[in-house]
Amino acid sequence: VTSRAGAMASESKVIHIKSEEQFAKVLKDAGTKLVVADFSASWCGPCKRLEPMYETWAREHTDVVFLHIDVDEQGGIAEDYEISAMPTLVFIKSGKERKRIRGLDERGILAEIAKK
């Protein structure tokens, strides 16, 4: 592994949402691009297992917007989306929810990302 590849691998392509305003702006700016919102929590085991895969998918699918939303930090957004289990991935297109997947369903998540 070259140092350049290592540096590239450490660059996150996932947007970490820190406010409801930022979330609204990212959705608006995405336009017709697919947005994948990962609702998770720092204490959630399956969420931690999803994280490296999610980072990889974000690097591989540059035409998709990948978001990370910590439900403990952004309770308002989690409440708006009625999140009751983690991880929950919400797929949003043109500002509207298209699908959601609860749990660590790698095949289902990848199939939904492929639909763009």
Foldseek 3Di string as FASTA:
>chain_A
DDVVVVVVLPDFQEAEDQEPVVVVVVLVVLAQFKEKEWEAAPVDPQQVVCVSVLRVVCVVCVSYHYYYYHCVRYVVVCVVVVPDAPGKIFIDGRRHTDDIDHTDPPVVVVVVNVVD
